[in-house]
Amino acid sequence: MANTPQSKKRARQSEKRFAVNKARRSRIRTFIRKVEEAIASGDQAAAQEALKVAQPELMRGVTKGVFHKNTASRKMSRLAARVKAVGA
């Protein structure tokens, strides 16, 4: 357990940060799930629309430090390829 005032404060800040990051991660996963559900339903228009909404959310996660840039890019790339394949 933290002993010094500084370490106690850092522990409090860490808990707050964890909660905020957890909420952000959850929100991003929800947007990704909506894209995957649209892909599963076979509706390419809905999937493309969901992807358009999910992309800025993913990149916002990068700027906020929740995801690494390459991770978000990889997720977007794979989702886009799957959306494209729905129409084919």
Protein backbone atom coordinates (compact mmCIF):
# COMPACT_ATOMS: atom_id res chain seq x y z
CA MET A 1 0.00 0.00 0.00
CA ALA A 2 1.10 3.58 -0.64
CA ASN A 3 2.77 5.27 2.32
CA THR A 4 3.91 8.74 1.30
CA PRO A 5 1.42 11.50 0.44
CA GLN A 6 2.76 11.59 -3.10
CA SER A 7 2.32 7.86 -3.63
CA LYS A 8 -1.21 8.04 -2.14
CA LYS A 9 -2.09 10.81 -4.58
CA ARG A 10 -0.60 8.84 -7.50
CA ALA A 11 -2.72 5.84 -6.49
CA ARG A 12 -5.87 8.00 -6.49
CA GLN A 13 -4.98 9.49 -9.88
CA SER A 14 -4.28 6.04 -11.27
CA GLU A 15 -7.72 4.80 -10.20
CA LYS A 16 -9.43 7.78 -11.86
CA ARG A 17 -7.40 7.32 -15.06
CA PHE A 18 -8.21 3.59 -15.08
CA ALA A 19 -11.94 4.32 -14.84
CA VAL A 20 -11.83 6.90 -17.64
CA ASN A 21 -9.76 4.66 -19.91
CA LYS A 22 -12.01 1.69 -19.20
CA ALA A 23 -15.06 3.73 -20.24
CA ARG A 24 -13.31 4.87 -23.43
CA ARG A 25 -12.25 1.33 -24.30
CA SER A 26 -15.78 0.07 -23.71
CA ARG A 27 -17.26 2.81 -25.91
CA ILE A 28 -14.85 2.00 -28.74
CA ARG A 29 -15.59 -1.73 -28.47
CA THR A 30 -19.31 -0.94 -28.73
CA PHE A 31 -18.76 0.93 -32.00
CA ILE A 32 -16.66 -1.95 -33.34
CA ARG A 33 -19.33 -4.45 -32.30
CA LYS A 34 -21.97 -2.46 -34.23
CA VAL A 35 -19.83 -2.75 -37.37
CA GLU A 36 -19.41 -6.50 -36.84
CA GLU A 37 -23.15 -6.96 -36.29
CA ALA A 38 -23.88 -5.09 -39.54
CA ILE A 39 -21.35 -7.32 -41.34
CA ALA A 40 -22.98 -10.43 -39.86
CA SER A 41 -26.41 -9.28 -41.02
CA GLY A 42 -25.05 -8.94 -44.57
CA ASP A 43 -26.11 -5.30 -44.96
CA GLN A 44 -23.17 -3.56 -46.63
CA ALA A 45 -24.71 -0.06 -46.47
CA ALA A 46 -25.30 -0.32 -42.73
CA ALA A 47 -21.82 -1.79 -42.24
CA GLN A 48 -20.19 1.08 -44.14
CA GLU A 49 -22.17 3.63 -42.15
CA ALA A 50 -21.21 1.97 -38.87
CA LEU A 51 -17.56 1.88 -39.98
CA LYS A 52 -17.63 5.61 -40.79
CA VAL A 53 -18.84 6.30 -37.26
CA ALA A 54 -16.38 3.87 -35.65
CA GLN A 55 -13.22 5.19 -37.35
CA PRO A 56 -13.09 8.58 -35.58
CA GLU A 57 -13.84 6.87 -32.26
CA LEU A 58 -10.91 4.50 -32.74
CA MET A 59 -8.53 7.32 -33.60
CA ARG A 60 -9.78 9.34 -30.63
CA GLY A 61 -8.78 6.37 -28.50
CA VAL A 62 -5.29 6.69 -29.98
CA THR A 63 -5.00 10.40 -29.16
CA LYS A 64 -6.23 9.73 -25.62
CA GLY A 65 -3.66 6.98 -25.13
CA VAL A 66 -6.09 4.08 -24.83
CA PHE A 67 -4.85 2.26 -27.94
CA HIS A 68 -1.58 2.24 -29.84
CA LYS A 69 -1.76 3.89 -33.26
CA ASN A 70 -0.86 0.70 -35.14
CA THR A 71 -3.44 -1.30 -33.21
CA ALA A 72 -6.22 1.10 -34.18
CA SER A 73 -5.01 1.19 -37.80
CA ARG A 74 -4.94 -2.61 -37.94
CA LYS A 75 -8.48 -2.85 -36.53
CA MET A 76 -9.79 -0.28 -39.03
CA SER A 77 -8.05 -1.98 -41.93
CA ARG A 78 -9.44 -5.40 -41.08
CA LEU A 79 -12.95 -4.05 -40.52
CA ALA A 80 -12.84 -2.15 -43.81
CA ALA A 81 -11.74 -5.29 -45.66
CA ARG A 82 -14.58 -7.28 -44.09
CA VAL A 83 -17.13 -4.56 -44.97
CA LYS A 84 -15.84 -4.52 -48.54
CA ALA A 85 -16.16 -8.32 -48.74
CA VAL A 86 -19.84 -8.19 -47.71
CA GLY A 87 -20.77 -6.62 -51.05
CA ALA A 88 -18.73 -9.07 -53.10
